Amino acid sequence: MKTFALTGLVLATCVIAGSAMAAPTAQPPMNSFNFAFYTCDNGAAFRISYDADAPTKATLTTSDNKQHPLKREPVANGAQFSDQGVMFWTDGTSVVVKGTQIPLNNCKLKAN
């Protein structure tokens, strides 16, 4: 009887631990050189450069050549990078940028 109780406890612990594990975070869009270009309303544009294939850091460079180093943050969906009031978020289809001097609205990934 003790063996069955112990086996049940181990199994329950594994199920609970497995369900508590976070889902993998989304991969942001990038080309083979770990960056992506976006064009936005009013002729604005930016480039986002990532530090790796599974990035933890990124640099957002606006069309006025301002660079914003960003750190990856956990989010419920998509990929988000932010620091010092600047934020970049994408789910691979949509993109949101906040906090830059140039407004970056309705941005779309530029095709290669």
PDB file of N, CA and C in Angstrom:
ATOM      1  N   MET A   1       0.821  -1.184   0.000  1.00  0.00           N
ATOM      2  CA  MET A   1       0.000   0.000   0.000  1.00  0.00           C
ATOM      3  C   MET A   1       0.868   1.252   0.000  1.00  0.00           C
ATOM      4  N   LYS A   2       1.977   1.219   0.775  1.00  0.00           N
ATOM      5  CA  LYS A   2       2.869   2.376   0.815  1.00  0.00           C
ATOM      6  C   LYS A   2       3.489   2.634  -0.557  1.00  0.00           C
ATOM      7  N   THR A   3       3.791   1.574  -1.310  1.00  0.00           N
ATOM      8  CA  THR A   3       4.376   1.718  -2.628  1.00  0.00           C
ATOM      9  C   THR A   3       3.417   2.434  -3.569  1.00  0.00           C
ATOM     10  N   PHE A   4       2.122   2.050  -3.512  1.00  0.00           N
ATOM     11  CA  PHE A   4       1.130   2.703  -4.368  1.00  0.00           C
ATOM     12  C   PHE A   4       0.969   4.173  -4.002  1.00  0.00           C
ATOM     13  N   ALA A   5       0.984   4.492  -2.717  1.00  0.00           N
ATOM     14  CA  ALA A   5       0.841   5.882  -2.280  1.00  0.00           C
ATOM     15  C   ALA A   5       2.042   6.710  -2.735  1.00  0.00           C
ATOM     16  N   LEU A   6       3.230   6.149  -2.582  1.00  0.00           N
ATOM     17  CA  LEU A   6       4.439   6.847  -2.994  1.00  0.00           C
ATOM     18  C   LEU A   6       4.462   7.046  -4.514  1.00  0.00           C
ATOM     19  N   THR A   7       4.079   6.028  -5.281  1.00  0.00           N
ATOM     20  CA  THR A   7       4.024   6.129  -6.740  1.00  0.00           C
ATOM     21  C   THR A   7       3.019   7.204  -7.154  1.00  0.00           C
ATOM     22  N   GLY A   8       1.867   7.243  -6.499  1.00  0.00           N
ATOM     23  CA  GLY A   8       0.854   8.258  -6.794  1.00  0.00           C
ATOM     24  C   GLY A   8       1.363   9.653  -6.495  1.00  0.00           C
ATOM     25  N   LEU A   9       2.089   9.811  -5.390  1.00  0.00           N
ATOM     26  CA  LEU A   9       2.635  11.111  -5.020  1.00  0.00           C
ATOM     27  C   LEU A   9       3.672  11.563  -6.041  1.00  0.00           C
ATOM     28  N   VAL A  10       4.544  10.683  -6.486  1.00  0.00           N
ATOM     29  CA  VAL A  10       5.557  11.020  -7.483  1.00  0.00           C
ATOM     30  C   VAL A  10       4.884  11.388  -8.803  1.00  0.00           C
ATOM     31  N   LEU A  11       3.886  10.626  -9.217  1.00  0.00           N
ATOM     32  CA  LEU A  11       3.166  10.899 -10.453  1.00  0.00           C
ATOM     33  C   LEU A  11       2.452  12.247 -10.370  1.00  0.00           C
ATOM     34  N   ALA A  12       1.802  12.544  -9.280  1.00  0.00           N
ATOM     35  CA  ALA A  12       1.106  13.817  -9.103  1.00  0.00           C
ATOM     36  C   ALA A  12       2.092  14.980  -9.131  1.00  0.00           C
ATOM     37  N   THR A  13       3.246  14.802  -8.513  1.00  0.00           N
ATOM     38  CA  THR A  13       4.266  15.847  -8.521  1.00  0.00           C
ATOM     39  C   THR A  13       4.747  16.114  -9.944  1.00  0.00           C
ATOM     40  N   CYS A  14       4.941  15.082 -10.732  1.00  0.00           N
ATOM     41  CA  CYS A  14       5.380  15.252 -12.123  1.00  0.00           C
ATOM     42  C   CYS A  14       4.318  15.963 -12.953  1.00  0.00           C
ATOM     43  N   VAL A  15       3.051  15.615 -12.747  1.00  0.00           N
ATOM     44  CA  VAL A  15       1.965  16.257 -13.494  1.00  0.00           C
ATOM     45  C   VAL A  15       1.884  17.728 -13.131  1.00  0.00           C
ATOM     46  N   ILE A  16       1.955  18.051 -11.850  1.00  0.00           N
ATOM     47  CA  ILE A  16       1.891  19.444 -11.404  1.00  0.00           C
ATOM     48  C   ILE A  16       3.087  20.224 -11.933  1.00  0.00           C
ATOM     49  N   ALA A  17       4.282  19.663 -11.834  1.00  0.00           N
ATOM     50  CA  ALA A  17       5.483  20.347 -12.312  1.00  0.00           C
ATOM     51  C   ALA A  17       5.409  20.563 -13.815  1.00  0.00           C
ATOM     52  N   GLY A  18       4.910  19.578 -14.544  1.00  0.00           N
ATOM     53  CA  GLY A  18       4.790  19.705 -15.991  1.00  0.00           C
ATOM     54  C   GLY A  18       3.804  20.777 -16.387  1.00  0.00           C
ATOM     55  N   SER A  19       2.691  20.906 -15.660  1.00  0.00           N
ATOM     56  CA  SER A  19       1.701  21.915 -16.020  1.00  0.00           C
ATOM     57  C   SER A  19       2.153  23.300 -15.617  1.00  0.00           C
ATOM     58  N   ALA A  20       3.078  23.424 -14.665  1.00  0.00           N
ATOM     59  CA  ALA A  20       3.560  24.732 -14.235  1.00  0.00           C
ATOM     60  C   ALA A  20       4.659  25.272 -15.147  1.00  0.00           C
ATOM     61  N   MET A  21       5.200  24.425 -16.016  1.00  0.00           N
ATOM     62  CA  MET A  21       6.267  24.872 -16.898  1.00  0.00           C
ATOM     63  C   MET A  21       5.690  25.842 -17.917  1.00  0.00           C
ATOM     64  N   ALA A  22       6.411  26.904 -18.190  1.00  0.00           N
ATOM     65  CA  ALA A  22       5.958  27.914 -19.137  1.00  0.00           C
ATOM     66  C   ALA A  22       6.046  27.389 -20.560  1.00  0.00           C
ATOM     67  N   ALA A  23       5.107  27.840 -21.378  1.00  0.00           N
ATOM     68  CA  ALA A  23       5.144  27.494 -22.792  1.00  0.00           C
ATOM     69  C   ALA A  23       6.326  28.210 -23.438  1.00  0.00           C
ATOM     70  N   PRO A  24       6.890  27.648 -24.485  1.00  0.00           N
ATOM     71  CA  PRO A  24       8.003  28.317 -25.148  1.00  0.00           C
ATOM     72  C   PRO A  24       7.573  29.689 -25.660  1.00  0.00           C
ATOM     73  N   THR A  25       8.478  30.652 -25.605  1.00  0.00           N
ATOM     74  CA  THR A  25       8.160  31.994 -26.069  1.00  0.00           C
ATOM     75  C   THR A  25       8.230  32.040 -27.584  1.00  0.00           C
ATOM     76  N   ALA A  26       7.478  32.961 -28.160  1.00  0.00           N
ATOM     77  CA  ALA A  26       7.414  33.081 -29.606  1.00  0.00           C
ATOM     78  C   ALA A  26       8.729  33.581 -30.175  1.00  0.00           C
ATOM     79  N   GLN A  27       9.027  33.142 -31.358  1.00  0.00           N
ATOM     80  CA  GLN A  27      10.219  33.583 -32.067  1.00  0.00           C
ATOM     81  C   GLN A  27       9.851  34.813 -32.891  1.00  0.00           C
ATOM     82  N   PRO A  28      10.538  35.929 -32.713  1.00  0.00           N
ATOM     83  CA  PRO A  28      10.220  37.113 -33.524  1.00  0.00           C
ATOM     84  C   PRO A  28      10.664  36.920 -34.971  1.00  0.00           C
ATOM     85  N   PRO A  29      10.012  37.611 -35.910  1.00  0.00           N
ATOM     86  CA  PRO A  29      10.431  37.502 -37.305  1.00  0.00           C
ATOM     87  C   PRO A  29      11.835  38.053 -37.515  1.00  0.00           C
ATOM     88  N   MET A  30      12.638  37.342 -38.267  1.00  0.00           N
ATOM     89  CA  MET A  30      13.988  37.813 -38.592  1.00  0.00           C
ATOM     90  C   MET A  30      14.465  37.084 -39.836  1.00  0.00           C
ATOM     91  N   ASN A  31      15.409  37.706 -40.527  1.00  0.00           N
ATOM     92  CA  ASN A  31      16.010  37.024 -41.664  1.00  0.00           C
ATOM     93  C   ASN A  31      17.220  36.227 -41.181  1.00  0.00           C
ATOM     94  N   SER A  32      18.006  35.707 -42.100  1.00  0.00           N
ATOM     95  CA  SER A  32      19.136  34.867 -41.706  1.00  0.00           C
ATOM     96  C   SER A  32      20.260  35.644 -41.036  1.00  0.00           C
ATOM     97  N   PHE A  33      20.176  36.963 -41.016  1.00  0.00           N
ATOM     98  CA  PHE A  33      21.196  37.778 -40.349  1.00  0.00           C
ATOM     99  C   PHE A  33      20.706  38.340 -39.021  1.00  0.00           C
ATOM    100  N   ASN A  34      19.613  37.783 -38.479  1.00  0.00           N
ATOM    101  CA  ASN A  34      19.060  38.147 -37.169  1.00  0.00           C
ATOM    102  C   ASN A  34      18.572  39.586 -37.077  1.00  0.00           C
ATOM    103  N   PHE A  35      17.960  40.089 -38.139  1.00  0.00           N
ATOM    104  CA  PHE A  35      17.302  41.388 -38.051  1.00  0.00           C
ATOM    105  C   PHE A  35      16.106  41.424 -38.988  1.00  0.00           C
ATOM    106  N   ALA A  36      15.262  42.432 -38.787  1.00  0.00           N
ATOM    107  CA  ALA A  36      14.084  42.616 -39.633  1.00  0.00           C
ATOM    108  C   ALA A  36      13.856  44.108 -39.842  1.00  0.00           C
ATOM    109  N   PHE A  37      13.360  44.464 -41.028  1.00  0.00           N
ATOM    110  CA  PHE A  37      13.024  45.850 -41.343  1.00  0.00           C
ATOM    111  C   PHE A  37      11.512  46.021 -41.335  1.00  0.00           C
ATOM    112  N   TYR A  38      11.049  47.157 -40.845  1.00  0.00           N
ATOM    113  CA  TYR A  38       9.623  47.483 -40.834  1.00  0.00           C
ATOM    114  C   TYR A  38       9.427  48.868 -41.436  1.00  0.00           C
ATOM    115  N   THR A  39       8.361  49.035 -42.204  1.00  0.00           N
ATOM    116  CA  THR A  39       7.949  50.346 -42.705  1.00  0.00           C
ATOM    117  C   THR A  39       6.640  50.703 -42.019  1.00  0.00           C
ATOM    118  N   CYS A  40       6.469  52.010 -41.757  1.00  0.00           N
ATOM    119  CA  CYS A  40       5.329  52.479 -40.983  1.00  0.00           C
ATOM    120  C   CYS A  40       4.662  53.652 -41.684  1.00  0.00           C
ATOM    121  N   ASP A  41       3.561  54.124 -41.094  1.00  0.00           N
ATOM    122  CA  ASP A  41       2.867  55.298 -41.619  1.00  0.00           C
ATOM    123  C   ASP A  41       3.807  56.498 -41.678  1.00  0.00           C
ATOM    124  N   ASN A  42       3.456  57.452 -42.530  1.00  0.00           N
ATOM    125  CA  ASN A  42       4.181  58.723 -42.666  1.00  0.00           C
ATOM    126  C   ASN A  42       5.638  58.546 -43.082  1.00  0.00           C
ATOM    127  N   GLY A  43       5.964  57.450 -43.749  1.00  0.00           N
ATOM    128  CA  GLY A  43       7.322  57.242 -44.237  1.00  0.00           C
ATOM    129  C   GLY A  43       8.326  56.822 -43.178  1.00  0.00           C
ATOM    130  N   ALA A  44       7.883  56.605 -41.947  1.00  0.00           N
ATOM    131  CA  ALA A  44       8.795  56.176 -40.884  1.00  0.00           C
ATOM    132  C   ALA A  44       9.177  54.707 -41.100  1.00  0.00           C
ATOM    133  N   ALA A  45      10.295  54.321 -40.548  1.00  0.00           N
ATOM    134  CA  ALA A  45      10.774  52.945 -40.659  1.00  0.00           C
ATOM    135  C   ALA A  45      11.699  52.645 -39.482  1.00  0.00           C
ATOM    136  N   PHE A  46      11.930  51.364 -39.258  1.00  0.00           N
ATOM    137  CA  PHE A  46      12.902  50.969 -38.240  1.00  0.00           C
ATOM    138  C   PHE A  46      13.434  49.586 -38.558  1.00  0.00           C
ATOM    139  N   ARG A  47      14.569  49.285 -37.935  1.00  0.00           N
ATOM    140  CA  ARG A  47      15.187  47.968 -38.015  1.00  0.00           C
ATOM    141  C   ARG A  47      15.299  47.441 -36.602  1.00  0.00           C
ATOM    142  N   ILE A  48      15.008  46.164 -36.437  1.00  0.00           N
ATOM    143  CA  ILE A  48      15.210  45.512 -35.146  1.00  0.00           C
ATOM    144  C   ILE A  48      16.268  44.435 -35.354  1.00  0.00           C
ATOM    145  N   SER A  49      17.354  44.510 -34.593  1.00  0.00           N
ATOM    146  CA  SER A  49      18.461  43.554 -34.681  1.00  0.00           C
ATOM    147  C   SER A  49      18.481  42.729 -33.405  1.00  0.00           C
ATOM    148  N   TYR A  50      18.605  41.428 -33.554  1.00  0.00           N
ATOM    149  CA  TYR A  50      18.589  40.513 -32.412  1.00  0.00           C
ATOM    150  C   TYR A  50      19.982  39.972 -32.128  1.00  0.00           C
ATOM    151  N   ASP A  51      20.216  39.591 -30.867  1.00  0.00           N
ATOM    152  CA  ASP A  51      21.530  39.097 -30.467  1.00  0.00           C
ATOM    153  C   ASP A  51      21.761  37.627 -30.780  1.00  0.00           C
ATOM    154  N   ALA A  52      20.709  36.893 -31.163  1.00  0.00           N
ATOM    155  CA  ALA A  52      20.856  35.458 -31.411  1.00  0.00           C
ATOM    156  C   ALA A  52      19.616  34.932 -32.111  1.00  0.00           C
ATOM    157  N   ASP A  53      19.662  33.663 -32.521  1.00  0.00           N
ATOM    158  CA  ASP A  53      18.488  33.033 -33.121  1.00  0.00           C
ATOM    159  C   ASP A  53      17.329  32.949 -32.131  1.00  0.00           C
ATOM    160  N   ALA A  54      17.622  32.764 -30.861  1.00  0.00           N
ATOM    161  CA  ALA A  54      16.626  32.798 -29.787  1.00  0.00           C
ATOM    162  C   ALA A  54      16.993  33.993 -28.912  1.00  0.00           C
ATOM    163  N   PRO A  55      16.608  35.194 -29.321  1.00  0.00           N
ATOM    164  CA  PRO A  55      17.147  36.422 -28.730  1.00  0.00           C
ATOM    165  C   PRO A  55      16.702  36.706 -27.304  1.00  0.00           C
ATOM    166  N   THR A  56      17.620  37.308 -26.548  1.00  0.00           N
ATOM    167  CA  THR A  56      17.320  37.844 -25.221  1.00  0.00           C
ATOM    168  C   THR A  56      17.483  39.356 -25.226  1.00  0.00           C
ATOM    169  N   LYS A  57      18.168  39.877 -26.250  1.00  0.00           N
ATOM    170  CA  LYS A  57      18.371  41.319 -26.404  1.00  0.00           C
ATOM    171  C   LYS A  57      18.122  41.699 -27.859  1.00  0.00           C
ATOM    172  N   ALA A  58      17.764  42.967 -28.059  1.00  0.00           N
ATOM    173  CA  ALA A  58      17.550  43.488 -29.399  1.00  0.00           C
ATOM    174  C   ALA A  58      17.924  44.964 -29.412  1.00  0.00           C
ATOM    175  N   THR A  59      18.215  45.481 -30.596  1.00  0.00           N
ATOM    176  CA  THR A  59      18.455  46.909 -30.767  1.00  0.00           C
ATOM    177  C   THR A  59      17.494  47.413 -31.831  1.00  0.00           C
ATOM    178  N   LEU A  60      16.676  48.393 -31.454  1.00  0.00           N
ATOM    179  CA  LEU A  60      15.746  49.014 -32.381  1.00  0.00           C
ATOM    180  C   LEU A  60      16.391  50.293 -32.888  1.00  0.00           C
ATOM    181  N   THR A  61      16.565  50.401 -34.200  1.00  0.00           N
ATOM    182  CA  THR A  61      17.161  51.585 -34.820  1.00  0.00           C
ATOM    183  C   THR A  61      16.104  52.248 -35.684  1.00  0.00           C
ATOM    184  N   THR A  62      15.762  53.498 -35.349  1.00  0.00           N
ATOM    185  CA  THR A  62      14.735  54.232 -36.081  1.00  0.00           C
ATOM    186  C   THR A  62      15.330  54.913 -37.299  1.00  0.00           C
ATOM    187  N   SER A  63      14.456  55.407 -38.180  1.00  0.00           N
ATOM    188  CA  SER A  63      14.913  56.027 -39.422  1.00  0.00           C
ATOM    189  C   SER A  63      15.680  57.325 -39.195  1.00  0.00           C
ATOM    190  N   ASP A  64      15.645  57.878 -37.977  1.00  0.00           N
ATOM    191  CA  ASP A  64      16.491  59.042 -37.658  1.00  0.00           C
ATOM    192  C   ASP A  64      17.800  58.606 -36.988  1.00  0.00           C
ATOM    193  N   ASN A  65      18.144  57.318 -37.112  1.00  0.00           N
ATOM    194  CA  ASN A  65      19.381  56.702 -36.609  1.00  0.00           C
ATOM    195  C   ASN A  65      19.516  56.689 -35.093  1.00  0.00           C
ATOM    196  N   LYS A  66      18.418  56.786 -34.371  1.00  0.00           N
ATOM    197  CA  LYS A  66      18.449  56.617 -32.910  1.00  0.00           C
ATOM    198  C   LYS A  66      18.421  55.125 -32.616  1.00  0.00           C
ATOM    199  N   GLN A  67      19.338  54.691 -31.749  1.00  0.00           N
ATOM    200  CA  GLN A  67      19.400  53.280 -31.367  1.00  0.00           C
ATOM    201  C   GLN A  67      18.863  53.099 -29.956  1.00  0.00           C
ATOM    202  N   HIS A  68      18.053  52.063 -29.793  1.00  0.00           N
ATOM    203  CA  HIS A  68      17.443  51.756 -28.500  1.00  0.00           C
ATOM    204  C   HIS A  68      17.762  50.304 -28.143  1.00  0.00           C
ATOM    205  N   PRO A  69      18.727  50.075 -27.232  1.00  0.00           N
ATOM    206  CA  PRO A  69      18.998  48.701 -26.784  1.00  0.00           C
ATOM    207  C   PRO A  69      17.846  48.227 -25.902  1.00  0.00           C
ATOM    208  N   LEU A  70      17.344  47.018 -26.180  1.00  0.00           N
ATOM    209  CA  LEU A  70      16.181  46.480 -25.482  1.00  0.00           C
ATOM    210  C   LEU A  70      16.476  45.090 -24.932  1.00  0.00           C
ATOM    211  N   LYS A  71      15.758  44.729 -23.872  1.00  0.00           N
ATOM    212  CA  LYS A  71      15.885  43.401 -23.266  1.00  0.00           C
ATOM    213  C   LYS A  71      14.560  42.669 -23.422  1.00  0.00           C
ATOM    214  N   ARG A  72      14.630  41.372 -23.646  1.00  0.00           N
ATOM    215  CA  ARG A  72      13.417  40.564 -23.803  1.00  0.00           C
ATOM    216  C   ARG A  72      12.693  40.455 -22.476  1.00  0.00           C
ATOM    217  N   GLU A  73      11.370  40.537 -22.560  1.00  0.00           N
ATOM    218  CA  GLU A  73      10.524  40.401 -21.382  1.00  0.00           C
ATOM    219  C   GLU A  73       9.508  39.297 -21.615  1.00  0.00           C
ATOM    220  N   PRO A  74       9.151  38.582 -20.570  1.00  0.00           N
ATOM    221  CA  PRO A  74       8.134  37.531 -20.737  1.00  0.00           C
ATOM    222  C   PRO A  74       6.763  38.161 -20.973  1.00  0.00           C
ATOM    223  N   VAL A  75       6.016  37.615 -21.929  1.00  0.00           N
ATOM    224  CA  VAL A  75       4.654  38.050 -22.222  1.00  0.00           C
ATOM    225  C   VAL A  75       3.800  36.823 -22.504  1.00  0.00           C
ATOM    226  N   ALA A  76       2.492  36.993 -22.382  1.00  0.00           N
ATOM    227  CA  ALA A  76       1.567  35.877 -22.586  1.00  0.00           C
ATOM    228  C   ALA A  76       1.604  35.355 -24.013  1.00  0.00           C
ATOM    229  N   ASN A  77       1.758  36.250 -24.988  1.00  0.00           N
ATOM    230  CA  ASN A  77       1.879  35.811 -26.380  1.00  0.00           C
ATOM    231  C   ASN A  77       2.807  36.759 -27.122  1.00  0.00           C
ATOM    232  N   GLY A  78       3.419  36.258 -28.160  1.00  0.00           N
ATOM    233  CA  GLY A  78       4.338  37.068 -28.939  1.00  0.00           C
ATOM    234  C   GLY A  78       5.703  37.191 -28.295  1.00  0.00           C
ATOM    235  N   ALA A  79       6.448  38.180 -28.773  1.00  0.00           N
ATOM    236  CA  ALA A  79       7.787  38.472 -28.249  1.00  0.00           C
ATOM    237  C   ALA A  79       7.849  39.962 -27.953  1.00  0.00           C
ATOM    238  N   GLN A  80       8.346  40.299 -26.778  1.00  0.00           N
ATOM    239  CA  GLN A  80       8.432  41.706 -26.381  1.00  0.00           C
ATOM    240  C   GLN A  80       9.820  42.028 -25.869  1.00  0.00           C
ATOM    241  N   PHE A  81      10.312  43.202 -26.287  1.00  0.00           N
ATOM    242  CA  PHE A  81      11.592  43.733 -25.853  1.00  0.00           C
ATOM    243  C   PHE A  81      11.342  45.163 -25.411  1.00  0.00           C
ATOM    244  N   SER A  82      11.953  45.578 -24.298  1.00  0.00           N
ATOM    245  CA  SER A  82      11.771  46.961 -23.862  1.00  0.00           C
ATOM    246  C   SER A  82      12.905  47.387 -22.944  1.00  0.00           C
ATOM    247  N   ASP A  83      13.032  48.709 -22.796  1.00  0.00           N
ATOM    248  CA  ASP A  83      13.979  49.304 -21.862  1.00  0.00           C
ATOM    249  C   ASP A  83      13.850  50.819 -21.973  1.00  0.00           C
ATOM    250  N   GLN A  84      13.970  51.499 -20.870  1.00  0.00           N
ATOM    251  CA  GLN A  84      13.975  52.955 -20.782  1.00  0.00           C
ATOM    252  C   GLN A  84      12.833  53.601 -21.563  1.00  0.00           C
ATOM    253  N   GLY A  85      11.629  53.065 -21.402  1.00  0.00           N
ATOM    254  CA  GLY A  85      10.439  53.658 -21.996  1.00  0.00           C
ATOM    255  C   GLY A  85      10.156  53.287 -23.435  1.00  0.00           C
ATOM    256  N   VAL A  86      11.057  52.548 -24.089  1.00  0.00           N
ATOM    257  CA  VAL A  86      10.828  52.100 -25.462  1.00  0.00           C
ATOM    258  C   VAL A  86      10.436  50.631 -25.416  1.00  0.00           C
ATOM    259  N   MET A  87       9.387  50.278 -26.198  1.00  0.00           N
ATOM    260  CA  MET A  87       8.878  48.909 -26.209  1.00  0.00           C
ATOM    261  C   MET A  87       8.609  48.472 -27.635  1.00  0.00           C
ATOM    262  N   PHE A  88       9.023  47.247 -27.971  1.00  0.00           N
ATOM    263  CA  PHE A  88       8.743  46.593 -29.250  1.00  0.00           C
ATOM    264  C   PHE A  88       8.072  45.278 -28.932  1.00  0.00           C
ATOM    265  N   TRP A  89       6.891  45.034 -29.537  1.00  0.00           N
ATOM    266  CA  TRP A  89       6.174  43.771 -29.360  1.00  0.00           C
ATOM    267  C   TRP A  89       5.726  43.277 -30.720  1.00  0.00           C
ATOM    268  N   THR A  90       5.816  41.967 -30.941  1.00  0.00           N
ATOM    269  CA  THR A  90       5.293  41.360 -32.160  1.00  0.00           C
ATOM    270  C   THR A  90       4.807  39.950 -31.880  1.00  0.00           C
ATOM    271  N   ASP A  91       3.792  39.559 -32.636  1.00  0.00           N
ATOM    272  CA  ASP A  91       3.337  38.170 -32.591  1.00  0.00           C
ATOM    273  C   ASP A  91       3.666  37.468 -33.899  1.00  0.00           C
ATOM    274  N   GLY A  92       4.481  38.112 -34.723  1.00  0.00           N
ATOM    275  CA  GLY A  92       4.855  37.557 -36.013  1.00  0.00           C
ATOM    276  C   GLY A  92       4.012  38.115 -37.146  1.00  0.00           C
ATOM    277  N   THR A  93       2.838  38.650 -36.814  1.00  0.00           N
ATOM    278  CA  THR A  93       1.953  39.257 -37.801  1.00  0.00           C
ATOM    279  C   THR A  93       1.798  40.746 -37.533  1.00  0.00           C
ATOM    280  N   SER A  94       1.467  41.075 -36.300  1.00  0.00           N
ATOM    281  CA  SER A  94       1.301  42.467 -35.880  1.00  0.00           C
ATOM    282  C   SER A  94       2.541  42.940 -35.145  1.00  0.00           C
ATOM    283  N   VAL A  95       2.720  44.265 -35.101  1.00  0.00           N
ATOM    284  CA  VAL A  95       3.842  44.839 -34.364  1.00  0.00           C
ATOM    285  C   VAL A  95       3.374  46.121 -33.690  1.00  0.00           C
ATOM    286  N   VAL A  96       3.877  46.356 -32.478  1.00  0.00           N
ATOM    287  CA  VAL A  96       3.586  47.575 -31.733  1.00  0.00           C
ATOM    288  C   VAL A  96       4.910  48.137 -31.239  1.00  0.00           C
ATOM    289  N   VAL A  97       5.132  49.431 -31.475  1.00  0.00           N
ATOM    290  CA  VAL A  97       6.326  50.119 -30.986  1.00  0.00           C
ATOM    291  C   VAL A  97       5.854  51.348 -30.231  1.00  0.00           C
ATOM    292  N   LYS A  98       6.373  51.536 -29.030  1.00  0.00           N
ATOM    293  CA  LYS A  98       6.016  52.697 -28.212  1.00  0.00           C
ATOM    294  C   LYS A  98       7.283  53.330 -27.649  1.00  0.00           C
ATOM    295  N   GLY A  99       7.230  54.644 -27.436  1.00  0.00           N
ATOM    296  CA  GLY A  99       8.288  55.340 -26.724  1.00  0.00           C
ATOM    297  C   GLY A  99       9.398  55.919 -27.570  1.00  0.00           C
ATOM    298  N   THR A 100       9.340  55.784 -28.892  1.00  0.00           N
ATOM    299  CA  THR A 100      10.375  56.366 -29.742  1.00  0.00           C
ATOM    300  C   THR A 100      10.025  57.808 -30.062  1.00  0.00           C
ATOM    301  N   GLN A 101      11.048  58.610 -30.382  1.00  0.00           N
ATOM    302  CA  GLN A 101      10.834  60.015 -30.710  1.00  0.00           C
ATOM    303  C   GLN A 101       9.989  60.158 -31.979  1.00  0.00           C
ATOM    304  N   ILE A 102      10.266  59.323 -32.977  1.00  0.00           N
ATOM    305  CA  ILE A 102       9.465  59.284 -34.202  1.00  0.00           C
ATOM    306  C   ILE A 102       8.303  58.324 -33.957  1.00  0.00           C
ATOM    307  N   PRO A 103       7.059  58.741 -34.194  1.00  0.00           N
ATOM    308  CA  PRO A 103       5.937  57.804 -34.045  1.00  0.00           C
ATOM    309  C   PRO A 103       6.040  56.665 -35.059  1.00  0.00           C
ATOM    310  N   LEU A 104       5.935  55.441 -34.582  1.00  0.00           N
ATOM    311  CA  LEU A 104       5.998  54.255 -35.435  1.00  0.00           C
ATOM    312  C   LEU A 104       4.646  53.556 -35.346  1.00  0.00           C
ATOM    313  N   ASN A 105       3.728  53.956 -36.256  1.00  0.00           N
ATOM    314  CA  ASN A 105       2.354  53.444 -36.241  1.00  0.00           C
ATOM    315  C   ASN A 105       2.061  52.637 -37.486  1.00  0.00           C
ATOM    316  N   ASN A 106       1.211  51.621 -37.329  1.00  0.00           N
ATOM    317  CA  ASN A 106       0.793  50.753 -38.442  1.00  0.00           C
ATOM    318  C   ASN A 106       1.984  50.225 -39.217  1.00  0.00           C
ATOM    319  N   CYS A 107       2.939  49.664 -38.512  1.00  0.00           N
ATOM    320  CA  CYS A 107       4.168  49.160 -39.132  1.00  0.00           C
ATOM    321  C   CYS A 107       3.945  47.751 -39.688  1.00  0.00           C
ATOM    322  N   LYS A 108       4.579  47.481 -40.797  1.00  0.00           N
ATOM    323  CA  LYS A 108       4.505  46.184 -41.465  1.00  0.00           C
ATOM    324  C   LYS A 108       5.908  45.694 -41.759  1.00  0.00           C
ATOM    325  N   LEU A 109       6.095  44.397 -41.628  1.00  0.00           N
ATOM    326  CA  LEU A 109       7.374  43.777 -41.953  1.00  0.00           C
ATOM    327  C   LEU A 109       7.651  43.978 -43.432  1.00  0.00           C
ATOM    328  N   LYS A 110       8.817  44.498 -43.762  1.00  0.00           N
ATOM    329  CA  LYS A 110       9.189  44.741 -45.152  1.00  0.00           C
ATOM    330  C   LYS A 110       9.642  43.426 -45.766  1.00  0.00           C
ATOM    331  N   ALA A 111       9.077  43.090 -46.896  1.00  0.00           N
ATOM    332  CA  ALA A 111       9.465  41.847 -47.590  1.00  0.00           C
ATOM    333  C   ALA A 111      10.876  42.000 -48.130  1.00  0.00           C
ATOM    334  N   ASN A 112      11.603  40.886 -48.169  1.00  0.00           N
ATOM    335  CA  ASN A 112      12.994  40.909 -48.660  1.00  0.00           C
ATOM    336  C   ASN A 112      13.074  41.308 -50.098  1.00  0.00           C
TER     337      ASN A 112
END
